[in-house]
Amino acid sequence: MIKLDVLSDPICPWCYIGKTHLDRALEANPGHPFEIEWHPFQLNPDMPPEGLDRRSYLEAKFGGKENAVKVYARVEEAARSAGLEIDFANIPRVPNTLNAHRLIHWAGLEGRQSAVVAALFRAYWREGRDIGDASVLADIAGACGLDRAMTERLLASDADAEDIRARDEHARQRGVTGVPCFIIANQYVVSGAQPPQVWGQIVTELLADQNGTTPPEPEA
């Protein structure tokens, strides 16, 4: 297997789109060599614990309502092209995602990381749930096969919070400035929400390299 480390944030729309593209490519290539691990990168490490009103946040981030609308029109178009129908009006707040990243970490220890990551993206982008809320995170944990009560107790503590912050900062020190960011075998970096065709070609080349064969030329 080849390690594929993914840095992302559940409230990043491009991360959701990028994950969807990757999933499609891997479904089309069931013999892929990847062992996937998800890592923390907060888009807003200084976000207040209670989060912010989403409309106000976006207007402040993009310099006014008009620019925010333009930016998210592009996001919406890319999401639709990926087969994702997102009701942006149904997302009232931008949460602090430290606790969501803690949950992803704990899920990894239990071998349920992929399920939890998928559930977090779905909860925020499709269902409009507040994934900064501990009860919502505990519900997601329980639905994915983790111990809900234990998760609730962990979220009420500071368990692994400093570790998540340190890993986030380490990624920034290594030069990661945006997500999604995919690191293959701790050597090659693939940035952004690459289309399934790109991932398909990467898988083909990796498998050819493992088998000592020459990969076919990509279709024009």
Foldseek 3Di string as FASTA:
>chain_A
DWEKEWEDFLVDLQQVLLVLQLVVLCVVVVVFDYDYAYAYAWPCQPAPLAFAFVQVVLCVVQVHDVRSVVVVVVSCVSCVVSVHHFDPVLAGGDHGCLLLRVLLVVCVVVVQNVQSSVLSNCCCGVVNDHNSDQQVSLVSCVVSPHNSVVSSVVSVDCPCSVVNVVRNVVCVVVPDDDDGWIQINVPDIDHTRDGNLVVNVVRQCVVCVVVVHDGDDRDD
